[in-house]
Structure formats: structure tokens, C-alpha cells
Amino acid sequence: MTRNKLVCVVGPTACGKTAMGVLLAKQYGGEVVSCDSMQLYRGMVIGTAAPTAEETEGVPHYMVGVIDPREPYSAARYAEDAGRCVDDILARGRLPIIVGGTGLYLDALLSGRGFAPGQMGGAVRAQLEARLNAEGAEALLAELRKIDPESATRVDPANRKRLIRALEVWYETGKTLTQHNAETRAIPPRYAAVKLGFSFENRDDMKTLIDRRVDEMAARGLFDEVRALLDAGVPRDATALQAIGYKECLACLDGVGKREDAIAEIKLRSRQYAKRQLTWLRRDPEIHWYYWKTPRNFRDALAFSTEILHEQGVS
């Protein structure tokens, strides 16, 4: 097997990634590293569909339930934390299997490229946020046009975070975000990866599975899980509680809407998110796609995956 080669199992929500990751880990002597931006948080098991002990079948899983939901988190930090897990697995002669649907985090991990300073906030960011509130987005965008015209054309003035980020990089490094991105793209990726993607031949099957999963989450106690997070002191505006499933439950717990309306909204947001995941992943020509029929045949999917991995030198 090629040095630093790993396997990625990707796809939209509810597409069977957890089960495929476990099957591949058992066949290849692997261990799983989750790549889900919300499964990272402790106490958020039901709403994120975090793998249970029964589902993992004894296969080690990392990067699940490791972050306090009050903490901010980023793709840069994930690349560092997950990278340590991957390196440890490789050092022990095992196969790292990255399982998840957060494309930005996966790209950050595989590239291993440095992020410009300021990812976690600081004095420069605070100053820019104060200016944005006082002067408005157009004033900062005009400044960005002078500093980094290319970035300015890509930034929506309504996207406060991206606007501040582009200026923050300049003030902290003396380099434009465009220059920084060009330099990092020239660096070879940290890991060689074989990417296996799982989706559905019929989109209606995906919708059905997503809706069924949301119903199961509600039955297992999703609303109680959200209440427990609030009782534990997690702020309502914490990034973790803005996740699909949690934000909708918050409104219901506040008495703003009915339980059934919240569940319907979670289903809709989850289906929309699955479409966005597919849009992101389909930009990557290196993904080998397997499309589920009804009913899903995991034995066939494993045979497909095994053939691809053999061709790519994973044995």
C-alpha cells in the first residue's frame, strides 16, 4: 500500500456511510476517523446520527464526541486534530478510513495545507467586526477591492464572515487571501486518498431515508437532547446549536412552533443539505461513485469498493 494512503467514504446524509466504513474497516484492518462537523460535539448524538456502539461493531472510531459544544471549531483545527489520528493509525500499520459528508473538512485534512492566521478570531477580527457594524459592508468591500480585487469579486457583501476573513488575512500576514490560496495550492497534498462516494440511483429513495431518519431521531429523544444541552449551559447562539435538527427544536422548545412542524422543517432542511453535499462532492473527479438501488445491497457495494481499492493499490 502506498505510504500515507487512506480511504475516504463520502456522500450525502443518510446514505449508509457509517455502515460502509465499518465493513471496509473489518475487511482491511482499518480504523475510522469521522469527518462530520457536528458529530465532533459531545452530547449531540441523536441529532447528528453519531455512530452507536452497536453500529461500530467494535471498530475504533475517532473524532466523535470530542469537542465541548460551547467551543468554536474550524476546518483548520479539524485538519490538525484528525491528522494526528490518521498519523497514529498509519504508524500502527492500520488503514485510516475517513467517513463523513463535510466536504470542507475532508479537503482540509487531505491537503494538510496551512491556513492563514486568524481562523479562530483575535484582535484584528474584533476590530474589523466593529468597523463592519459601524461603517457597513460596502465600506469594507471597497477597501477589499483596493487590496485584493480578485477576492472582492468572489465575496457577497451579505456574507459578513467571508468579507472579514479576506481583510483579516491581509492585516495579519501582509499577503492577500488570493496570494495565500495560490501558495497553498502549490504544496503537494499531505495524504494520498482513494475516495468512495455513495448516493442514490433514485432521488426519492434518498428523501425517504432522510425522512425516516428524522422520525427515528424524534422518537429516540432529539427534543430531550436539545433541552439537555441548554440545561448544561450551552448558549442558544453556539455554532453547535445552529446545526440542522437543533435549531428547529430550539424554536419548538421556546413555544414558537409545534413539535410536528419542527420535525417537518428538519426533514426539509436535511434534504436541502443532502443536495448541497452532493453538489460539493461532485466537483471532485477523483470520487468513485456507487449508486444504491432499492433495497440497498451492502454486499454489492462492498464488492464494488473492494475492486476499486485493489485497482488503487490498497490491499
Protein backbone atom coordinates (compact mmCIF):
# COMPACT_ATOMS: atom_id res chain seq x y z
CA MET A 1 0.00 0.00 0.00
CA THR A 2 1.25 3.46 -0.90
CA ARG A 3 2.67 5.36 2.06
CA ASN A 4 0.18 7.75 3.68
CA LYS A 5 -2.65 6.38 1.55
CA LEU A 6 -6.07 6.32 3.15
CA VAL A 7 -9.66 5.56 2.17
CA CYS A 8 -12.49 8.10 2.21
CA VAL A 9 -16.16 7.15 2.38
CA VAL A 10 -18.28 10.15 1.38
CA GLY A 11 -21.80 11.03 0.35
CA PRO A 12 -24.96 12.84 1.43
CA THR A 13 -26.63 12.39 4.78
CA ALA A 14 -28.37 9.04 5.39
CA CYS A 15 -26.54 7.31 2.52
CA GLY A 16 -25.03 4.46 4.56
CA LYS A 17 -21.54 5.89 5.13
CA THR A 18 -21.24 4.57 8.68
CA ALA A 19 -22.13 1.02 7.67
CA MET A 20 -19.76 1.09 4.69
CA GLY A 21 -16.94 2.45 6.82
CA VAL A 22 -17.35 -0.41 9.28
CA LEU A 23 -17.50 -3.03 6.51
CA LEU A 24 -14.32 -1.70 4.91
CA ALA A 25 -12.53 -1.40 8.25
CA LYS A 26 -13.26 -5.03 9.02
CA GLN A 27 -12.10 -6.19 5.60
CA TYR A 28 -8.88 -4.14 5.51
CA GLY A 29 -7.83 -3.92 9.14
CA GLY A 30 -8.85 -0.29 9.31
CA GLU A 31 -9.93 2.27 11.85
CA VAL A 32 -12.44 5.05 11.22
CA VAL A 33 -11.92 8.80 11.54
CA SER A 34 -15.20 10.71 11.39
CA CYS A 35 -15.41 13.70 9.08
CA ASP A 36 -18.66 15.24 10.26
CA SER A 37 -18.57 18.80 11.56
CA MET A 38 -21.38 18.17 14.07
CA GLN A 39 -20.58 14.66 15.31
CA LEU A 40 -17.49 16.27 16.83
CA TYR A 41 -19.54 17.75 19.67
CA ARG A 42 -20.20 15.98 22.95
CA GLY A 43 -23.81 15.44 23.91
CA MET A 44 -25.01 15.66 20.32
CA VAL A 45 -25.57 12.03 19.48
CA ILE A 46 -29.14 11.71 18.27
CA GLY A 47 -29.39 14.81 16.08
CA THR A 48 -26.06 14.18 14.33
CA ALA A 49 -26.67 10.44 13.84
CA ALA A 50 -23.36 9.76 15.57
CA PRO A 51 -22.43 6.07 15.30
CA THR A 52 -23.53 3.96 18.25
CA ALA A 53 -21.52 1.15 19.82
CA GLU A 54 -23.84 -1.30 18.10
CA GLU A 55 -23.25 0.31 14.70
CA THR A 56 -19.46 0.48 15.01
CA GLU A 57 -19.27 -3.28 15.77
CA GLY A 58 -16.04 -2.86 17.71
CA VAL A 59 -14.24 -0.87 15.02
CA PRO A 60 -12.40 2.10 16.59
CA HIS A 61 -13.93 5.47 15.66
CA TYR A 62 -12.18 8.80 16.23
CA MET A 63 -13.29 12.44 16.15
CA VAL A 64 -16.76 11.68 17.52
CA GLY A 65 -17.95 13.49 20.66
CA VAL A 66 -14.57 15.09 21.36
CA ILE A 67 -15.40 18.81 21.45
CA ASP A 68 -17.40 20.80 24.01
CA PRO A 69 -20.44 22.27 22.17
CA ARG A 70 -19.61 25.66 23.66
CA GLU A 71 -16.31 25.76 21.77
CA PRO A 72 -15.78 27.32 18.35
CA TYR A 73 -14.30 24.96 15.79
CA SER A 74 -12.92 25.22 12.26
CA ALA A 75 -11.70 23.24 9.28
CA ALA A 76 -8.15 24.24 10.19
CA ARG A 77 -8.46 22.78 13.66
CA TYR A 78 -10.10 19.64 12.30
CA ALA A 79 -7.19 19.15 9.90
CA GLU A 80 -4.79 19.24 12.86
CA ASP A 81 -6.83 17.06 15.21
CA ALA A 82 -7.89 14.47 12.64
CA GLY A 83 -4.41 14.48 11.12
CA ARG A 84 -2.97 13.31 14.42
CA CYS A 85 -5.48 10.44 14.47
CA VAL A 86 -4.63 9.46 10.89
CA ASP A 87 -0.88 9.55 11.54
CA ASP A 88 -1.28 7.38 14.62
CA ILE A 89 -3.33 4.82 12.69
CA LEU A 90 -0.73 4.73 9.90
CA ALA A 91 2.12 4.40 12.41
CA ARG A 92 0.47 1.28 13.79
CA GLY A 93 0.21 -0.26 10.33
CA ARG A 94 -3.55 0.11 10.13
CA LEU A 95 -5.65 1.67 7.36
CA PRO A 96 -7.30 5.03 8.12
CA ILE A 97 -10.84 5.21 6.77
CA ILE A 98 -12.28 8.72 6.73
CA VAL A 99 -16.07 8.64 6.92
CA GLY A 100 -18.31 11.67 6.59
CA GLY A 101 -20.03 14.25 4.48
CA THR A 102 -18.41 17.55 5.49
CA GLY A 103 -16.53 18.29 2.29
CA LEU A 104 -14.67 21.35 3.56
CA TYR A 105 -13.23 19.40 6.49
CA LEU A 106 -12.24 16.50 4.26
CA ASP A 107 -10.43 18.79 1.83
CA ALA A 108 -8.59 20.45 4.72
CA LEU A 109 -7.47 17.11 6.14
CA LEU A 110 -6.26 15.61 2.87
CA SER A 111 -4.42 18.71 1.72
CA GLY A 112 -2.71 19.30 5.06
CA ARG A 113 -2.03 22.81 3.84
CA GLY A 114 -1.62 25.69 6.23
CA PHE A 115 -4.44 28.11 6.86
CA ALA A 116 -3.75 31.81 7.04
CA PRO A 117 -3.71 33.16 10.62
CA GLY A 118 -6.86 34.41 12.24
CA GLN A 119 -9.03 31.33 11.84
CA MET A 120 -10.01 31.33 15.50
CA GLY A 121 -10.50 35.07 15.84
CA GLY A 122 -8.49 37.72 17.65
CA ALA A 123 -7.86 41.44 17.93
CA VAL A 124 -7.81 42.10 14.19
CA ARG A 125 -11.08 40.28 13.68
CA ALA A 126 -12.71 42.13 16.56
CA GLN A 127 -11.65 45.46 15.06
CA LEU A 128 -12.98 44.52 11.64
CA GLU A 129 -16.28 43.37 13.12
CA ALA A 130 -16.61 46.68 14.96
CA ARG A 131 -15.90 48.57 11.73
CA LEU A 132 -18.40 46.47 9.83
CA ASN A 133 -21.10 47.29 12.35
CA ALA A 134 -20.21 50.99 12.32
CA GLU A 135 -19.42 51.60 8.63
CA GLY A 136 -21.36 48.89 6.85
CA ALA A 137 -20.35 46.10 4.47
CA GLU A 138 -19.94 48.31 1.41
CA ALA A 139 -17.18 50.37 3.05
CA LEU A 140 -15.17 47.26 3.89
CA LEU A 141 -15.81 45.76 0.46
CA ALA A 142 -14.47 48.94 -1.16
CA GLU A 143 -11.32 48.56 0.92
CA LEU A 144 -11.00 44.92 -0.12
CA ARG A 145 -11.31 45.90 -3.79
CA LYS A 146 -8.19 48.04 -3.43
CA ILE A 147 -6.24 45.36 -1.51
CA ASP A 148 -7.38 42.15 -3.19
CA PRO A 149 -9.59 42.77 -6.26
CA GLU A 150 -9.88 39.05 -7.07
CA SER A 151 -11.22 38.15 -3.61
CA ALA A 152 -13.56 41.13 -3.72
CA THR A 153 -15.28 39.77 -6.82
CA ARG A 154 -15.98 36.49 -5.02
CA VAL A 155 -17.30 37.95 -1.76
CA ASP A 156 -21.01 38.54 -1.30
CA PRO A 157 -21.37 41.71 0.83
CA ALA A 158 -24.07 39.90 2.79
CA ASN A 159 -21.56 37.24 3.82
CA ARG A 160 -20.00 39.07 6.76
CA LYS A 161 -17.68 36.21 7.73
CA ARG A 162 -16.02 35.92 4.32
CA LEU A 163 -15.65 39.67 3.96
CA ILE A 164 -13.97 39.99 7.35
CA ARG A 165 -11.84 36.92 6.69
CA ALA A 166 -10.40 38.34 3.45
CA LEU A 167 -9.37 41.58 5.15
CA GLU A 168 -8.15 39.78 8.26
CA VAL A 169 -5.65 37.71 6.27
CA TRP A 170 -4.21 40.87 4.72
CA TYR A 171 -3.82 42.72 8.01
CA GLU A 172 -2.32 39.73 9.84
CA THR A 173 0.05 38.44 7.15
CA GLY A 174 0.66 41.24 4.65
CA LYS A 175 -0.49 38.82 1.95
CA THR A 176 -3.81 38.81 0.18
CA LEU A 177 -6.13 35.85 0.54
CA THR A 178 -5.71 35.26 -3.20
CA GLN A 179 -1.92 35.06 -2.80
CA HIS A 180 -2.19 32.79 0.22
CA ASN A 181 -4.54 30.39 -1.59
CA ALA A 182 -2.27 30.26 -4.63
CA GLU A 183 0.76 29.43 -2.46
CA THR A 184 -1.04 26.68 -0.56
CA ARG A 185 -2.37 25.07 -3.74
CA ALA A 186 1.21 24.64 -4.92
CA ILE A 187 2.03 22.45 -1.92
CA PRO A 188 1.56 18.68 -2.51
CA PRO A 189 -1.30 17.10 -0.51
CA ARG A 190 -0.47 15.54 2.83
CA TYR A 191 -2.23 12.24 2.09
CA ALA A 192 -2.97 10.13 -0.96
CA ALA A 193 -6.61 9.11 -0.82
CA VAL A 194 -8.93 6.68 -2.55
CA LYS A 195 -12.38 8.22 -2.41
CA LEU A 196 -15.56 6.16 -2.49
CA GLY A 197 -18.83 8.02 -2.89
CA PHE A 198 -22.28 6.63 -2.10
CA SER A 199 -25.51 8.11 -3.35
CA PHE A 200 -28.89 7.01 -4.69
CA GLU A 201 -29.97 5.96 -8.15
CA ASN A 202 -33.42 7.36 -7.37
CA ARG A 203 -33.53 10.69 -5.50
CA ASP A 204 -36.88 9.75 -3.96
CA ASP A 205 -35.13 6.91 -2.11
CA MET A 206 -32.77 9.45 -0.54
CA LYS A 207 -35.70 11.63 0.54
CA THR A 208 -37.49 8.63 2.03
CA LEU A 209 -34.45 7.55 4.06
CA ILE A 210 -33.82 11.09 5.30
CA ASP A 211 -37.43 11.49 6.41
CA ARG A 212 -37.35 8.11 8.13
CA ARG A 213 -34.11 9.00 9.93
CA VAL A 214 -35.60 12.26 11.23
CA ASP A 215 -38.68 10.42 12.52
CA GLU A 216 -36.36 7.96 14.29
CA MET A 217 -34.36 10.82 15.82
CA ALA A 218 -37.53 12.38 17.21
CA ALA A 219 -38.65 9.03 18.61
CA ARG A 220 -35.25 8.45 20.24
CA GLY A 221 -35.40 11.75 22.11
CA LEU A 222 -33.99 14.53 19.91
CA PHE A 223 -36.01 17.22 21.69
CA ASP A 224 -34.81 15.94 25.08
CA GLU A 225 -31.22 16.02 23.80
CA VAL A 226 -31.56 19.68 22.84
CA ARG A 227 -33.11 20.50 26.21
CA ALA A 228 -30.23 18.72 27.98
CA LEU A 229 -27.68 20.82 26.06
CA LEU A 230 -29.44 24.01 27.14
CA ASP A 231 -29.62 22.78 30.74
CA ALA A 232 -25.86 22.09 30.58
CA GLY A 233 -25.25 25.75 29.77
CA VAL A 234 -24.69 25.62 26.02
CA PRO A 235 -25.64 29.09 24.70
CA ARG A 236 -28.52 29.22 22.26
CA ASP A 237 -26.32 31.04 19.74
CA ALA A 238 -23.50 28.47 19.92
CA THR A 239 -22.46 27.17 16.50
CA ALA A 240 -23.31 23.64 17.61
CA LEU A 241 -26.94 24.57 18.23
CA GLN A 242 -27.28 26.10 14.78
CA ALA A 243 -26.96 22.63 13.27
CA ILE A 244 -29.90 21.18 11.37
CA GLY A 245 -32.21 19.49 13.86
CA TYR A 246 -31.08 21.50 16.84
CA LYS A 247 -32.07 24.97 15.66
CA GLU A 248 -35.56 23.78 14.74
CA CYS A 249 -36.01 22.08 18.09
CA LEU A 250 -34.97 25.26 19.90
CA ALA A 251 -37.85 27.17 18.37
CA CYS A 252 -40.27 24.44 19.40
CA LEU A 253 -38.94 24.33 22.96
CA ASP A 254 -39.39 28.11 23.12
CA GLY A 255 -43.05 27.63 22.34
CA VAL A 256 -42.76 29.29 18.93
CA GLY A 257 -43.97 26.29 16.95
CA LYS A 258 -45.43 22.81 17.24
CA ARG A 259 -43.39 19.63 17.50
CA GLU A 260 -44.74 18.25 14.22
CA ASP A 261 -43.87 21.49 12.44
CA ALA A 262 -40.31 21.33 13.77
CA ILE A 263 -39.96 17.74 12.56
CA ALA A 264 -41.24 18.70 9.10
CA GLU A 265 -38.77 21.58 8.98
CA ILE A 266 -35.87 19.30 9.97
CA LYS A 267 -36.80 16.93 7.14
CA LEU A 268 -36.87 19.78 4.63
CA ARG A 269 -33.54 21.27 5.82
CA SER A 270 -31.92 17.82 5.82
CA ARG A 271 -33.00 17.15 2.23
CA GLN A 272 -31.67 20.55 1.17
CA TYR A 273 -28.40 19.86 2.94
CA ALA A 274 -28.05 16.50 1.17
CA LYS A 275 -28.35 18.29 -2.17
CA ARG A 276 -25.64 20.76 -1.16
CA GLN A 277 -23.38 17.90 -0.08
CA LEU A 278 -23.78 16.23 -3.47
CA THR A 279 -23.08 19.48 -5.28
CA TRP A 280 -19.83 19.90 -3.33
CA LEU A 281 -18.69 16.30 -3.75
CA ARG A 282 -19.48 16.05 -7.46
CA ARG A 283 -16.90 18.71 -8.19
CA ASP A 284 -14.26 16.12 -7.27
CA PRO A 285 -13.38 13.91 -10.25
CA GLU A 286 -11.42 11.52 -8.02
CA ILE A 287 -14.51 10.12 -6.29
CA HIS A 288 -15.62 6.64 -7.41
CA TRP A 289 -19.41 6.64 -7.14
CA TYR A 290 -21.69 3.76 -6.21
CA TYR A 291 -25.43 4.33 -6.59
CA TRP A 292 -27.84 2.50 -4.32
CA LYS A 293 -30.86 0.70 -5.70
CA THR A 294 -33.85 -0.32 -3.58
CA PRO A 295 -33.35 -2.19 -1.36
CA ARG A 296 -29.73 -1.28 -0.64
CA ASN A 297 -27.31 -4.13 -1.22
CA PHE A 298 -24.31 -3.65 1.06
CA ARG A 299 -22.65 -6.84 -0.16
CA ASP A 300 -22.65 -5.49 -3.72
CA ALA A 301 -21.40 -2.10 -2.52
CA LEU A 302 -18.55 -3.79 -0.66
CA ALA A 303 -17.60 -5.80 -3.78
CA PHE A 304 -17.57 -2.56 -5.81
CA SER A 305 -15.42 -0.84 -3.18
CA THR A 306 -13.02 -3.78 -2.95
CA GLU A 307 -12.44 -3.75 -6.70
CA ILE A 308 -11.73 -0.01 -6.70
CA LEU A 309 -9.36 -0.25 -3.75
CA HIS A 310 -7.48 -3.16 -5.32
CA GLU A 311 -7.03 -1.15 -8.53
CA GLN A 312 -5.71 1.78 -6.48
CA GLY A 313 -3.16 -0.32 -4.63
CA VAL A 314 -4.96 -0.77 -1.30
CA SER A 315 -4.69 -4.34 -0.13
